[in-house]
Structure formats: C-alpha cells, structure tokens
Amino acid sequence: MTKTLTGIVTSDVADKTITITVTSRETHPIYGKQYTVGRKYMAHDEDNIAKKGDKVVISEVRPISKRKSFKLDSVIEKARGTIELKDDIADILPTKPSKEDKVKEE
C-alpha cells in the first residue's frame, strides 16, 4: 500500500519537480494543546502540470533522487490567482501634509 498525501504546491521553480507543503493538526501528548505542523515534500511532476498554489495529491514511489520519493498523482484544485502587493504603498495611501508643504503653499 503506497502512502498518499494531500497538500499545497509551494514551489514549482525546478524542472519536473514540485515542493508540496502538507499541514496537519497534532495534539501535544502531555498538555493536550493542538498545534499545526507543516511538512515539505519534493515530488516528481513529469509534465510540469502543477503550479504554485494548486492543491495536489502525491503518492510514494521508489526514490527518484536524493530528496524525491513521491510523484504527482493528480491536481485536485487549481490556484485561483495570487495577490501581489505593491512595494511602495505611499503612492496609494493619502498622506498628511508636512510642515514643508504648508510653507510652500503660503
């Protein structure tokens, strides 16, 4: 029985390789508090189908390389797009006039 995991693609930069983050909730054995654990896996993507942000299923196979022992089974859900914030937010937000601006106006 092969191990299958479901996670989110966090990187698709390398050719035929994707990095998947699988998150799970675990309970501390003594304190009983729940916490989130994220594990990263490298998987083989032969046709470069998966893109960053996609939800995918990977399954365990014989080792393909030093760090890859999983392959992409299927893409469950495509990413809906990314939101990129501008570096210079000062252009968007209105600012208070400074003392220098007041002097220039007079």
Protein backbone atom coordinates (compact mmCIF):
# COMPACT_ATOMS: atom_id res chain seq x y z
CA MET A 1 0.00 0.00 0.00
CA THR A 2 1.53 3.29 -1.06
CA LYS A 3 1.33 6.38 1.10
CA THR A 4 -0.71 9.22 -0.41
CA LEU A 5 -0.63 12.81 0.84
CA THR A 6 -2.67 15.90 0.00
CA GLY A 7 -1.08 19.34 0.14
CA ILE A 8 -0.47 22.71 -1.47
CA VAL A 9 2.27 23.36 -4.04
CA THR A 10 4.67 25.93 -2.58
CA SER A 11 7.29 25.90 -5.34
CA ASP A 12 7.37 24.87 -8.99
CA VAL A 13 10.63 26.56 -10.00
CA ALA A 14 12.67 23.40 -10.64
CA ASP A 15 12.10 21.43 -13.85
CA LYS A 16 9.89 18.33 -13.31
CA THR A 17 9.93 18.89 -9.53
CA ILE A 18 7.42 20.49 -7.20
CA THR A 19 7.58 21.20 -3.48
CA ILE A 20 4.43 20.42 -1.53
CA THR A 21 3.57 21.57 1.99
CA VAL A 22 1.34 19.18 3.92
CA THR A 23 -0.18 20.67 7.07
CA SER A 24 -1.70 18.65 9.89
CA ARG A 25 -3.06 19.31 13.37
CA GLU A 26 -1.44 17.41 16.21
CA THR A 27 -2.15 17.27 19.92
CA HIS A 28 0.62 17.56 22.50
CA PRO A 29 0.82 14.28 24.47
CA ILE A 30 1.13 15.93 27.91
CA TYR A 31 -0.51 19.36 27.66
CA GLY A 32 -3.32 18.48 25.26
CA LYS A 33 -2.87 21.67 23.24
CA GLN A 34 -3.35 21.38 19.49
CA TYR A 35 -0.82 22.87 17.10
CA THR A 36 -0.22 22.95 13.37
CA VAL A 37 2.68 21.09 11.82
CA GLY A 38 3.82 21.75 8.25
CA ARG A 39 5.98 19.23 6.41
CA LYS A 40 7.56 19.73 3.00
CA TYR A 41 7.92 17.03 0.38
CA MET A 42 9.59 17.06 -3.04
CA ALA A 43 7.61 15.31 -5.76
CA HIS A 44 8.24 14.38 -9.39
CA ASP A 45 5.98 16.19 -11.88
CA GLU A 46 6.84 14.73 -15.28
CA ASP A 47 4.75 17.13 -17.42
CA ASN A 48 5.09 20.26 -15.22
CA ILE A 49 1.32 20.33 -14.72
CA ALA A 50 1.13 21.65 -11.16
CA LYS A 51 1.65 25.35 -10.48
CA LYS A 52 2.21 27.28 -7.28
CA GLY A 53 -0.89 27.34 -5.07
CA ASP A 54 -2.54 24.22 -6.54
CA LYS A 55 -3.97 21.56 -4.23
CA VAL A 56 -2.47 18.20 -5.25
CA VAL A 57 -2.30 14.52 -4.29
CA ILE A 58 1.11 12.83 -4.26
CA SER A 59 1.97 9.17 -3.75
CA GLU A 60 5.09 7.40 -2.58
CA VAL A 61 7.29 5.64 -5.15
CA ARG A 62 10.82 4.29 -5.27
CA PRO A 63 13.42 7.03 -4.74
CA ILE A 64 13.83 9.17 -7.86
CA SER A 65 16.67 11.25 -6.46
CA LYS A 66 18.24 12.07 -3.10
CA ARG A 67 15.25 14.11 -1.90
CA LYS A 68 12.42 12.94 -4.19
CA SER A 69 10.50 9.79 -3.34
CA PHE A 70 6.99 10.98 -4.27
CA LYS A 71 5.25 11.55 -7.60
CA LEU A 72 2.31 13.73 -8.55
CA ASP A 73 -0.93 11.76 -8.82
CA SER A 74 -3.46 14.47 -9.59
CA VAL A 75 -4.30 18.13 -9.24
CA ILE A 76 -7.43 18.45 -7.10
CA GLU A 77 -7.90 22.20 -7.32
CA LYS A 78 -6.16 24.84 -9.40
CA ALA A 79 -4.94 28.05 -7.79
CA ARG A 80 -7.36 30.93 -8.24
CA GLY A 81 -4.63 33.52 -8.66
CA THR A 82 -2.26 35.46 -6.50
CA ILE A 83 -2.49 38.89 -4.97
CA GLU A 84 0.66 40.92 -5.26
CA LEU A 85 1.05 43.93 -3.03
CA LYS A 86 2.94 46.95 -4.25
CA ASP A 87 6.22 47.73 -2.54
CA ASP A 88 5.58 51.45 -2.47
CA ILE A 89 2.28 51.85 -0.61
CA ALA A 90 2.91 55.57 -0.07
CA ASP A 91 1.72 56.28 -3.63
CA ILE A 92 -1.66 54.71 -2.90
CA LEU A 93 -2.43 55.96 0.60
CA PRO A 94 -3.20 59.64 1.22
CA THR A 95 -0.63 61.31 3.45
CA LYS A 96 -0.85 64.23 5.84
CA PRO A 97 0.73 67.42 4.56
CA SER A 98 4.09 68.05 6.20
CA LYS A 99 5.35 71.35 7.59
CA GLU A 100 7.42 71.89 4.45
CA ASP A 101 4.32 71.56 2.26
CA LYS A 102 2.48 74.15 4.35
CA VAL A 103 5.38 76.60 4.00
CA LYS A 104 5.42 76.11 0.20
CA GLU A 105 1.68 76.81 -0.04
CA GLU A 106 1.99 80.18 1.76
